[in-house]
PDB file of N, CA and C in Angstrom:
ATOM      1  N   MET A   1      16.234 -15.511   9.449  1.00  0.00           N
ATOM      2  CA  MET A   1      16.542 -14.121   9.734  1.00  0.00           C
ATOM      3  C   MET A   1      15.234 -13.330   9.775  1.00  0.00           C
ATOM      4  N   THR A   2      15.018 -12.577  10.839  1.00  0.00           N
ATOM      5  CA  THR A   2      13.814 -11.761  10.942  1.00  0.00           C
ATOM      6  C   THR A   2      14.156 -10.311  10.642  1.00  0.00           C
ATOM      7  N   LYS A   3      13.201  -9.628  10.060  1.00  0.00           N
ATOM      8  CA  LYS A   3      13.394  -8.219   9.732  1.00  0.00           C
ATOM      9  C   LYS A   3      12.552  -7.376  10.673  1.00  0.00           C
ATOM     10  N   SER A   4      13.112  -6.300  11.097  1.00  0.00           N
ATOM     11  CA  SER A   4      12.397  -5.390  11.970  1.00  0.00           C
ATOM     12  C   SER A   4      11.300  -4.680  11.189  1.00  0.00           C
ATOM     13  N   PRO A   5      10.090  -4.553  11.773  1.00  0.00           N
ATOM     14  CA  PRO A   5       9.028  -3.814  11.086  1.00  0.00           C
ATOM     15  C   PRO A   5       9.422  -2.371  10.770  1.00  0.00           C
ATOM     16  N   LEU A   6      10.261  -1.785  11.612  1.00  0.00           N
ATOM     17  CA  LEU A   6      10.707  -0.409  11.380  1.00  0.00           C
ATOM     18  C   LEU A   6      11.572  -0.324  10.125  1.00  0.00           C
ATOM     19  N   ILE A   7      12.438  -1.307   9.923  1.00  0.00           N
ATOM     20  CA  ILE A   7      13.291  -1.318   8.731  1.00  0.00           C
ATOM     21  C   ILE A   7      12.442  -1.497   7.485  1.00  0.00           C
ATOM     22  N   CYS A   8      11.460  -2.400   7.550  1.00  0.00           N
ATOM     23  CA  CYS A   8      10.561  -2.619   6.404  1.00  0.00           C
ATOM     24  C   CYS A   8       9.767  -1.357   6.079  1.00  0.00           C
ATOM     25  N   ALA A   9       9.237  -0.694   7.100  1.00  0.00           N
ATOM     26  CA  ALA A   9       8.465   0.532   6.884  1.00  0.00           C
ATOM     27  C   ALA A   9       9.335   1.626   6.293  1.00  0.00           C
ATOM     28  N   ALA A  10      10.571   1.741   6.773  1.00  0.00           N
ATOM     29  CA  ALA A  10      11.492   2.758   6.249  1.00  0.00           C
ATOM     30  C   ALA A  10      11.831   2.470   4.792  1.00  0.00           C
ATOM     31  N   SER A  11      11.981   1.200   4.444  1.00  0.00           N
ATOM     32  CA  SER A  11      12.279   0.835   3.056  1.00  0.00           C
ATOM     33  C   SER A  11      11.127   1.189   2.133  1.00  0.00           C
ATOM     34  N   VAL A  12       9.903   0.889   2.564  1.00  0.00           N
ATOM     35  CA  VAL A  12       8.722   1.211   1.763  1.00  0.00           C
ATOM     36  C   VAL A  12       8.590   2.719   1.592  1.00  0.00           C
ATOM     37  N   LEU A  13       8.820   3.459   2.670  1.00  0.00           N
ATOM     38  CA  LEU A  13       8.740   4.910   2.601  1.00  0.00           C
ATOM     39  C   LEU A  13       9.780   5.476   1.648  1.00  0.00           C
ATOM     40  N   ALA A  14      10.996   4.948   1.700  1.00  0.00           N
ATOM     41  CA  ALA A  14      12.054   5.414   0.803  1.00  0.00           C
ATOM     42  C   ALA A  14      11.700   5.145  -0.655  1.00  0.00           C
ATOM     43  N   LEU A  15      11.117   3.978  -0.931  1.00  0.00           N
ATOM     44  CA  LEU A  15      10.701   3.674  -2.302  1.00  0.00           C
ATOM     45  C   LEU A  15       9.576   4.590  -2.761  1.00  0.00           C
ATOM     46  N   MET A  16       8.633   4.875  -1.866  1.00  0.00           N
ATOM     47  CA  MET A  16       7.518   5.750  -2.236  1.00  0.00           C
ATOM     48  C   MET A  16       7.997   7.161  -2.535  1.00  0.00           C
ATOM     49  N   VAL A  17       8.969   7.647  -1.770  1.00  0.00           N
ATOM     50  CA  VAL A  17       9.477   9.003  -1.978  1.00  0.00           C
ATOM     51  C   VAL A  17      10.264   9.082  -3.285  1.00  0.00           C
ATOM     52  N   SER A  18      10.996   8.005  -3.618  1.00  0.00           N
ATOM     53  CA  SER A  18      11.834   8.040  -4.803  1.00  0.00           C
ATOM     54  C   SER A  18      11.077   7.779  -6.096  1.00  0.00           C
ATOM     55  N   MET A  19       9.888   7.183  -6.007  1.00  0.00           N
ATOM     56  CA  MET A  19       9.113   6.879  -7.203  1.00  0.00           C
ATOM     57  C   MET A  19       8.375   8.119  -7.709  1.00  0.00           C
ATOM     58  N   PRO A  20       8.288   8.295  -9.021  1.00  0.00           N
ATOM     59  CA  PRO A  20       7.502   9.405  -9.545  1.00  0.00           C
ATOM     60  C   PRO A  20       6.018   9.170  -9.293  1.00  0.00           C
ATOM     61  N   ALA A  21       5.298  10.227  -9.085  1.00  0.00           N
ATOM     62  CA  ALA A  21       3.864  10.125  -8.790  1.00  0.00           C
ATOM     63  C   ALA A  21       3.101   9.705 -10.036  1.00  0.00           C
ATOM     64  N   LEU A  22       2.173   8.772  -9.892  1.00  0.00           N
ATOM     65  CA  LEU A  22       1.342   8.334 -11.001  1.00  0.00           C
ATOM     66  C   LEU A  22       0.038   9.114 -11.066  1.00  0.00           C
ATOM     67  N   ALA A  23      -0.435   9.556  -9.910  1.00  0.00           N
ATOM     68  CA  ALA A  23      -1.648  10.363  -9.874  1.00  0.00           C
ATOM     69  C   ALA A  23      -1.277  11.822 -10.128  1.00  0.00           C
ATOM     70  N   GLU A  24      -2.282  12.647 -10.346  1.00  0.00           N
ATOM     71  CA  GLU A  24      -2.006  14.042 -10.687  1.00  0.00           C
ATOM     72  C   GLU A  24      -1.679  14.891  -9.460  1.00  0.00           C
ATOM     73  N   THR A  25      -1.088  16.060  -9.698  1.00  0.00           N
ATOM     74  CA  THR A  25      -0.782  17.017  -8.641  1.00  0.00           C
ATOM     75  C   THR A  25      -1.945  17.995  -8.530  1.00  0.00           C
ATOM     76  N   VAL A  26      -2.367  18.274  -7.280  1.00  0.00           N
ATOM     77  CA  VAL A  26      -3.500  19.174  -7.057  1.00  0.00           C
ATOM     78  C   VAL A  26      -3.041  20.386  -6.252  1.00  0.00           C
ATOM     79  N   ASP A  27      -3.815  21.466  -6.358  1.00  0.00           N
ATOM     80  CA  ASP A  27      -3.479  22.708  -5.669  1.00  0.00           C
ATOM     81  C   ASP A  27      -4.245  22.906  -4.374  1.00  0.00           C
ATOM     82  N   ASN A  28      -5.308  22.152  -4.141  1.00  0.00           N
ATOM     83  CA  ASN A  28      -6.041  22.294  -2.878  1.00  0.00           C
ATOM     84  C   ASN A  28      -6.219  20.935  -2.216  1.00  0.00           C
ATOM     85  N   ALA A  29      -6.297  20.945  -0.905  1.00  0.00           N
ATOM     86  CA  ALA A  29      -6.374  19.710  -0.129  1.00  0.00           C
ATOM     87  C   ALA A  29      -7.673  18.952  -0.359  1.00  0.00           C
ATOM     88  N   ALA A  30      -8.716  19.624  -0.799  1.00  0.00           N
ATOM     89  CA  ALA A  30     -10.005  18.968  -1.015  1.00  0.00           C
ATOM     90  C   ALA A  30      -9.929  17.905  -2.116  1.00  0.00           C
ATOM     91  N   ASP A  31      -9.017  18.081  -3.077  1.00  0.00           N
ATOM     92  CA  ASP A  31      -8.878  17.134  -4.183  1.00  0.00           C
ATOM     93  C   ASP A  31      -7.854  16.040  -3.907  1.00  0.00           C
ATOM     94  N   PHE A  32      -7.278  16.016  -2.717  1.00  0.00           N
ATOM     95  CA  PHE A  32      -6.213  15.067  -2.378  1.00  0.00           C
ATOM     96  C   PHE A  32      -6.660  13.620  -2.617  1.00  0.00           C
ATOM     97  N   PHE A  33      -7.863  13.263  -2.169  1.00  0.00           N
ATOM     98  CA  PHE A  33      -8.354  11.899  -2.344  1.00  0.00           C
ATOM     99  C   PHE A  33      -9.165  11.719  -3.630  1.00  0.00           C
ATOM    100  N   THR A  34      -9.916  12.738  -4.018  1.00  0.00           N
ATOM    101  CA  THR A  34     -10.816  12.585  -5.160  1.00  0.00           C
ATOM    102  C   THR A  34     -10.091  12.523  -6.501  1.00  0.00           C
ATOM    103  N   LYS A  35      -8.898  13.048  -6.594  1.00  0.00           N
ATOM    104  CA  LYS A  35      -8.136  13.049  -7.848  1.00  0.00           C
ATOM    105  C   LYS A  35      -7.097  11.936  -7.882  1.00  0.00           C
ATOM    106  N   GLY A  36      -7.191  10.964  -6.981  1.00  0.00           N
ATOM    107  CA  GLY A  36      -6.240   9.859  -6.930  1.00  0.00           C
ATOM    108  C   GLY A  36      -6.493   8.840  -8.035  1.00  0.00           C
ATOM    109  N   ALA A  37      -5.674   7.806  -8.041  1.00  0.00           N
ATOM    110  CA  ALA A  37      -5.780   6.749  -9.048  1.00  0.00           C
ATOM    111  C   ALA A  37      -5.886   5.394  -8.358  1.00  0.00           C
ATOM    112  N   ALA A  38      -6.849   4.582  -8.792  1.00  0.00           N
ATOM    113  CA  ALA A  38      -7.057   3.249  -8.224  1.00  0.00           C
ATOM    114  C   ALA A  38      -6.731   2.196  -9.273  1.00  0.00           C
ATOM    115  N   GLY A  39      -6.443   0.995  -8.804  1.00  0.00           N
ATOM    116  CA  GLY A  39      -6.145  -0.089  -9.728  1.00  0.00           C
ATOM    117  C   GLY A  39      -6.490  -1.439  -9.132  1.00  0.00           C
ATOM    118  N   LEU A  40      -6.688  -2.419  -9.995  1.00  0.00           N
ATOM    119  CA  LEU A  40      -7.020  -3.771  -9.588  1.00  0.00           C
ATOM    120  C   LEU A  40      -6.210  -4.720 -10.464  1.00  0.00           C
ATOM    121  N   ASP A  41      -5.469  -5.638  -9.836  1.00  0.00           N
ATOM    122  CA  ASP A  41      -4.631  -6.584 -10.562  1.00  0.00           C
ATOM    123  C   ASP A  41      -4.996  -8.004 -10.152  1.00  0.00           C
ATOM    124  N   PHE A  42      -4.922  -8.918 -11.124  1.00  0.00           N
ATOM    125  CA  PHE A  42      -5.152 -10.335 -10.871  1.00  0.00           C
ATOM    126  C   PHE A  42      -3.954 -11.129 -11.393  1.00  0.00           C
ATOM    127  N   ARG A  43      -3.565 -12.189 -10.656  1.00  0.00           N
ATOM    128  CA  ARG A  43      -2.514 -13.087 -11.141  1.00  0.00           C
ATOM    129  C   ARG A  43      -2.907 -14.517 -10.789  1.00  0.00           C
ATOM    130  N   TYR A  44      -3.083 -15.327 -11.815  1.00  0.00           N
ATOM    131  CA  TYR A  44      -3.415 -16.732 -11.625  1.00  0.00           C
ATOM    132  C   TYR A  44      -2.117 -17.544 -11.602  1.00  0.00           C
ATOM    133  N   ARG A  45      -2.067 -18.572 -10.743  1.00  0.00           N
ATOM    134  CA  ARG A  45      -0.866 -19.391 -10.619  1.00  0.00           C
ATOM    135  C   ARG A  45      -1.281 -20.855 -10.562  1.00  0.00           C
ATOM    136  N   LEU A  46      -0.605 -21.676 -11.348  1.00  0.00           N
ATOM    137  CA  LEU A  46      -0.818 -23.121 -11.338  1.00  0.00           C
ATOM    138  C   LEU A  46       0.542 -23.774 -11.175  1.00  0.00           C
ATOM    139  N   GLU A  47       0.676 -24.611 -10.155  1.00  0.00           N
ATOM    140  CA  GLU A  47       1.939 -25.318  -9.928  1.00  0.00           C
ATOM    141  C   GLU A  47       1.647 -26.811  -9.793  1.00  0.00           C
ATOM    142  N   LEU A  48       2.380 -27.602 -10.565  1.00  0.00           N
ATOM    143  CA  LEU A  48       2.248 -29.050 -10.542  1.00  0.00           C
ATOM    144  C   LEU A  48       3.538 -29.648 -10.000  1.00  0.00           C
ATOM    145  N   VAL A  49       3.420 -30.598  -9.055  1.00  0.00           N
ATOM    146  CA  VAL A  49       4.598 -31.220  -8.450  1.00  0.00           C
ATOM    147  C   VAL A  49       4.479 -32.728  -8.568  1.00  0.00           C
ATOM    148  N   ASP A  50       5.492 -33.347  -9.148  1.00  0.00           N
ATOM    149  CA  ASP A  50       5.615 -34.801  -9.239  1.00  0.00           C
ATOM    150  C   ASP A  50       6.995 -35.139  -8.688  1.00  0.00           C
ATOM    151  N   GLN A  51       7.054 -35.481  -7.415  1.00  0.00           N
ATOM    152  CA  GLN A  51       8.328 -35.667  -6.727  1.00  0.00           C
ATOM    153  C   GLN A  51       8.595 -37.151  -6.493  1.00  0.00           C
ATOM    154  N   ASP A  52       9.817 -37.572  -6.794  1.00  0.00           N
ATOM    155  CA  ASP A  52      10.205 -38.957  -6.539  1.00  0.00           C
ATOM    156  C   ASP A  52      10.153 -39.250  -5.047  1.00  0.00           C
ATOM    157  N   GLY A  53       9.705 -40.439  -4.692  1.00  0.00           N
ATOM    158  CA  GLY A  53       9.645 -40.833  -3.295  1.00  0.00           C
ATOM    159  C   GLY A  53       8.313 -40.532  -2.627  1.00  0.00           C
ATOM    160  N   LEU A  54       7.458 -39.791  -3.273  1.00  0.00           N
ATOM    161  CA  LEU A  54       6.133 -39.501  -2.728  1.00  0.00           C
ATOM    162  C   LEU A  54       5.086 -40.181  -3.606  1.00  0.00           C
ATOM    163  N   ALA A  55       4.114 -40.795  -2.954  1.00  0.00           N
ATOM    164  CA  ALA A  55       3.107 -41.556  -3.698  1.00  0.00           C
ATOM    165  C   ALA A  55       2.142 -40.672  -4.478  1.00  0.00           C
ATOM    166  N   GLU A  56       1.847 -39.490  -3.962  1.00  0.00           N
ATOM    167  CA  GLU A  56       0.857 -38.628  -4.605  1.00  0.00           C
ATOM    168  C   GLU A  56       1.501 -37.383  -5.209  1.00  0.00           C
ATOM    169  N   ASN A  57       0.925 -36.905  -6.285  1.00  0.00           N
ATOM    170  CA  ASN A  57       1.350 -35.657  -6.903  1.00  0.00           C
ATOM    171  C   ASN A  57       0.587 -34.507  -6.266  1.00  0.00           C
ATOM    172  N   ALA A  58       1.098 -33.292  -6.436  1.00  0.00           N
ATOM    173  CA  ALA A  58       0.435 -32.123  -5.860  1.00  0.00           C
ATOM    174  C   ALA A  58       0.114 -31.118  -6.964  1.00  0.00           C
ATOM    175  N   THR A  59      -1.017 -30.443  -6.795  1.00  0.00           N
ATOM    176  CA  THR A  59      -1.430 -29.384  -7.711  1.00  0.00           C
ATOM    177  C   THR A  59      -1.914 -28.198  -6.879  1.00  0.00           C
ATOM    178  N   ALA A  60      -1.353 -27.027  -7.148  1.00  0.00           N
ATOM    179  CA  ALA A  60      -1.782 -25.801  -6.469  1.00  0.00           C
ATOM    180  C   ALA A  60      -2.291 -24.829  -7.521  1.00  0.00           C
ATOM    181  N   SER A  61      -3.512 -24.377  -7.345  1.00  0.00           N
ATOM    182  CA  SER A  61      -4.142 -23.433  -8.266  1.00  0.00           C
ATOM    183  C   SER A  61      -4.655 -22.261  -7.431  1.00  0.00           C
ATOM    184  N   THR A  62      -4.039 -21.098  -7.584  1.00  0.00           N
ATOM    185  CA  THR A  62      -4.390 -19.945  -6.754  1.00  0.00           C
ATOM    186  C   THR A  62      -4.597 -18.695  -7.608  1.00  0.00           C
ATOM    187  N   LEU A  63      -5.327 -17.756  -7.034  1.00  0.00           N
ATOM    188  CA  LEU A  63      -5.555 -16.464  -7.680  1.00  0.00           C
ATOM    189  C   LEU A  63      -5.191 -15.359  -6.692  1.00  0.00           C
ATOM    190  N   LEU A  64      -4.232 -14.523  -7.083  1.00  0.00           N
ATOM    191  CA  LEU A  64      -3.817 -13.370  -6.276  1.00  0.00           C
ATOM    192  C   LEU A  64      -4.559 -12.147  -6.800  1.00  0.00           C
ATOM    193  N   THR A  65      -5.251 -11.445  -5.899  1.00  0.00           N
ATOM    194  CA  THR A  65      -5.977 -10.231  -6.252  1.00  0.00           C
ATOM    195  C   THR A  65      -5.376  -9.068  -5.473  1.00  0.00           C
ATOM    196  N   LYS A  66      -5.022  -7.999  -6.170  1.00  0.00           N
ATOM    197  CA  LYS A  66      -4.466  -6.802  -5.525  1.00  0.00           C
ATOM    198  C   LYS A  66      -5.331  -5.595  -5.874  1.00  0.00           C
ATOM    199  N   LEU A  67      -5.667  -4.831  -4.846  1.00  0.00           N
ATOM    200  CA  LEU A  67      -6.396  -3.584  -4.998  1.00  0.00           C
ATOM    201  C   LEU A  67      -5.506  -2.486  -4.443  1.00  0.00           C
ATOM    202  N   HIS A  68      -5.282  -1.430  -5.226  1.00  0.00           N
ATOM    203  CA  HIS A  68      -4.416  -0.358  -4.739  1.00  0.00           C
ATOM    204  C   HIS A  68      -4.996   1.013  -5.073  1.00  0.00           C
ATOM    205  N   TYR A  69      -4.596   1.991  -4.283  1.00  0.00           N
ATOM    206  CA  TYR A  69      -5.055   3.367  -4.477  1.00  0.00           C
ATOM    207  C   TYR A  69      -3.919   4.329  -4.137  1.00  0.00           C
ATOM    208  N   GLU A  70      -3.675   5.286  -5.019  1.00  0.00           N
ATOM    209  CA  GLU A  70      -2.681   6.328  -4.775  1.00  0.00           C
ATOM    210  C   GLU A  70      -3.388   7.676  -4.796  1.00  0.00           C
ATOM    211  N   THR A  71      -3.169   8.461  -3.752  1.00  0.00           N
ATOM    212  CA  THR A  71      -3.783   9.779  -3.692  1.00  0.00           C
ATOM    213  C   THR A  71      -3.088  10.709  -4.680  1.00  0.00           C
ATOM    214  N   ALA A  72      -3.682  11.837  -4.915  1.00  0.00           N
ATOM    215  CA  ALA A  72      -3.028  12.871  -5.709  1.00  0.00           C
ATOM    216  C   ALA A  72      -1.885  13.462  -4.881  1.00  0.00           C
ATOM    217  N   THR A  73      -1.008  14.198  -5.530  1.00  0.00           N
ATOM    218  CA  THR A  73       0.103  14.852  -4.829  1.00  0.00           C
ATOM    219  C   THR A  73      -0.326  16.255  -4.429  1.00  0.00           C
ATOM    220  N   TYR A  74      -0.109  16.572  -3.160  1.00  0.00           N
ATOM    221  CA  TYR A  74      -0.443  17.891  -2.633  1.00  0.00           C
ATOM    222  C   TYR A  74       0.750  18.404  -1.833  1.00  0.00           C
ATOM    223  N   LYS A  75       1.346  19.484  -2.296  1.00  0.00           N
ATOM    224  CA  LYS A  75       2.515  20.090  -1.661  1.00  0.00           C
ATOM    225  C   LYS A  75       3.645  19.082  -1.452  1.00  0.00           C
ATOM    226  N   GLY A  76       3.855  18.233  -2.453  1.00  0.00           N
ATOM    227  CA  GLY A  76       4.950  17.267  -2.418  1.00  0.00           C
ATOM    228  C   GLY A  76       4.658  15.979  -1.674  1.00  0.00           C
ATOM    229  N   PHE A  77       3.453  15.791  -1.163  1.00  0.00           N
ATOM    230  CA  PHE A  77       3.099  14.585  -0.415  1.00  0.00           C
ATOM    231  C   PHE A  77       2.004  13.811  -1.143  1.00  0.00           C
ATOM    232  N   SER A  78       2.091  12.497  -1.044  1.00  0.00           N
ATOM    233  CA  SER A  78       1.048  11.627  -1.572  1.00  0.00           C
ATOM    234  C   SER A  78       1.000  10.375  -0.711  1.00  0.00           C
ATOM    235  N   GLY A  79      -0.035   9.589  -0.889  1.00  0.00           N
ATOM    236  CA  GLY A  79      -0.185   8.360  -0.133  1.00  0.00           C
ATOM    237  C   GLY A  79      -0.506   7.204  -1.056  1.00  0.00           C
ATOM    238  N   PHE A  80      -0.176   6.006  -0.606  1.00  0.00           N
ATOM    239  CA  PHE A  80      -0.425   4.798  -1.392  1.00  0.00           C
ATOM    240  C   PHE A  80      -0.830   3.681  -0.436  1.00  0.00           C
ATOM    241  N   ILE A  81      -1.881   2.953  -0.791  1.00  0.00           N
ATOM    242  CA  ILE A  81      -2.319   1.821   0.023  1.00  0.00           C
ATOM    243  C   ILE A  81      -2.626   0.664  -0.914  1.00  0.00           C
ATOM    244  N   GLU A  82      -2.298  -0.546  -0.451  1.00  0.00           N
ATOM    245  CA  GLU A  82      -2.522  -1.728  -1.268  1.00  0.00           C
ATOM    246  C   GLU A  82      -3.017  -2.866  -0.380  1.00  0.00           C
ATOM    247  N   ALA A  83      -3.998  -3.602  -0.866  1.00  0.00           N
ATOM    248  CA  ALA A  83      -4.511  -4.778  -0.170  1.00  0.00           C
ATOM    249  C   ALA A  83      -4.435  -5.947  -1.137  1.00  0.00           C
ATOM    250  N   GLU A  84      -4.104  -7.120  -0.604  1.00  0.00           N
ATOM    251  CA  GLU A  84      -4.051  -8.288  -1.473  1.00  0.00           C
ATOM    252  C   GLU A  84      -4.722  -9.477  -0.802  1.00  0.00           C
ATOM    253  N   HIS A  85      -5.218 -10.373  -1.645  1.00  0.00           N
ATOM    254  CA  HIS A  85      -5.911 -11.569  -1.171  1.00  0.00           C
ATOM    255  C   HIS A  85      -5.518 -12.726  -2.076  1.00  0.00           C
ATOM    256  N   ILE A  86      -5.244 -13.885  -1.476  1.00  0.00           N
ATOM    257  CA  ILE A  86      -4.926 -15.085  -2.241  1.00  0.00           C
ATOM    258  C   ILE A  86      -6.024 -16.102  -1.990  1.00  0.00           C
ATOM    259  N   ALA A  87      -6.617 -16.596  -3.066  1.00  0.00           N
ATOM    260  CA  ALA A  87      -7.705 -17.572  -2.968  1.00  0.00           C
ATOM    261  C   ALA A  87      -7.314 -18.851  -3.695  1.00  0.00           C
ATOM    262  N   VAL A  88      -7.691 -19.973  -3.118  1.00  0.00           N
ATOM    263  CA  VAL A  88      -7.496 -21.262  -3.766  1.00  0.00           C
ATOM    264  C   VAL A  88      -8.602 -21.420  -4.807  1.00  0.00           C
ATOM    265  N   VAL A  89      -8.212 -21.785  -6.022  1.00  0.00           N
ATOM    266  CA  VAL A  89      -9.168 -21.985  -7.102  1.00  0.00           C
ATOM    267  C   VAL A  89      -9.264 -23.486  -7.363  1.00  0.00           C
ATOM    268  N   GLY A  90     -10.426 -24.035  -7.180  1.00  0.00           N
ATOM    269  CA  GLY A  90     -10.604 -25.469  -7.411  1.00  0.00           C
ATOM    270  C   GLY A  90     -10.270 -26.301  -6.188  1.00  0.00           C
ATOM    271  N   LYS A  91     -10.001 -27.582  -6.433  1.00  0.00           N
ATOM    272  CA  LYS A  91      -9.751 -28.558  -5.376  1.00  0.00           C
ATOM    273  C   LYS A  91      -8.335 -28.410  -4.808  1.00  0.00           C
ATOM    274  N   THR A  92      -8.189 -28.536  -3.494  1.00  0.00           N
ATOM    275  CA  THR A  92      -6.893 -28.471  -2.839  1.00  0.00           C
ATOM    276  C   THR A  92      -6.264 -29.860  -2.868  1.00  0.00           C
ATOM    277  N   THR A  93      -5.222 -30.041  -3.672  1.00  0.00           N
ATOM    278  CA  THR A  93      -4.531 -31.327  -3.750  1.00  0.00           C
ATOM    279  C   THR A  93      -3.062 -31.175  -3.381  1.00  0.00           C
ATOM    280  N   TYR A  94      -2.800 -30.431  -2.316  1.00  0.00           N
ATOM    281  CA  TYR A  94      -1.446 -30.250  -1.808  1.00  0.00           C
ATOM    282  C   TYR A  94      -1.546 -30.079  -0.305  1.00  0.00           C
ATOM    283  N   ASN A  95      -0.433 -30.250   0.388  1.00  0.00           N
ATOM    284  CA  ASN A  95      -0.418 -30.104   1.835  1.00  0.00           C
ATOM    285  C   ASN A  95      -0.220 -28.633   2.173  1.00  0.00           C
ATOM    286  N   ASN A  96      -1.291 -27.983   2.628  1.00  0.00           N
ATOM    287  CA  ASN A  96      -1.210 -26.569   2.996  1.00  0.00           C
ATOM    288  C   ASN A  96      -1.080 -26.384   4.514  1.00  0.00           C
ATOM    289  N   SER A  97      -0.718 -27.449   5.211  1.00  0.00           N
ATOM    290  CA  SER A  97      -0.536 -27.518   6.671  1.00  0.00           C
ATOM    291  C   SER A  97      -1.864 -27.473   7.425  1.00  0.00           C
ATOM    292  N   LEU A  98      -2.973 -27.312   6.713  1.00  0.00           N
ATOM    293  CA  LEU A  98      -4.300 -27.375   7.341  1.00  0.00           C
ATOM    294  C   LEU A  98      -5.035 -28.655   6.975  1.00  0.00           C
ATOM    295  N   ASN A  99      -4.738 -29.176   5.781  1.00  0.00           N
ATOM    296  CA  ASN A  99      -5.456 -30.357   5.308  1.00  0.00           C
ATOM    297  C   ASN A  99      -4.668 -31.654   5.492  1.00  0.00           C
ATOM    298  N   GLY A 100      -3.451 -31.567   6.047  1.00  0.00           N
ATOM    299  CA  GLY A 100      -2.645 -32.767   6.288  1.00  0.00           C
ATOM    300  C   GLY A 100      -2.002 -33.268   5.041  1.00  0.00           C
TER     301      GLY A 100
END
């Protein structure tokens, strides 16, 4: 099942509007970006697979890094942006469709 990008964008917008603001409220537009709040999150993941019928075991070790920024609220509006990156940590011992 595929989801329309418009439906996904509308869902994200609805969640952003319904969530309480974490950054402060400002009275002038000049502070809209400077009074915002930034954050950095890390999540390490290790998965071990020992499956019957396969000769080799698999190990996946990854690190998810998220960087996010929320602007201050100005006249009831705010913005939020998030970027994420997943990196393989250590040796790749699983089939990631690139290594066979």
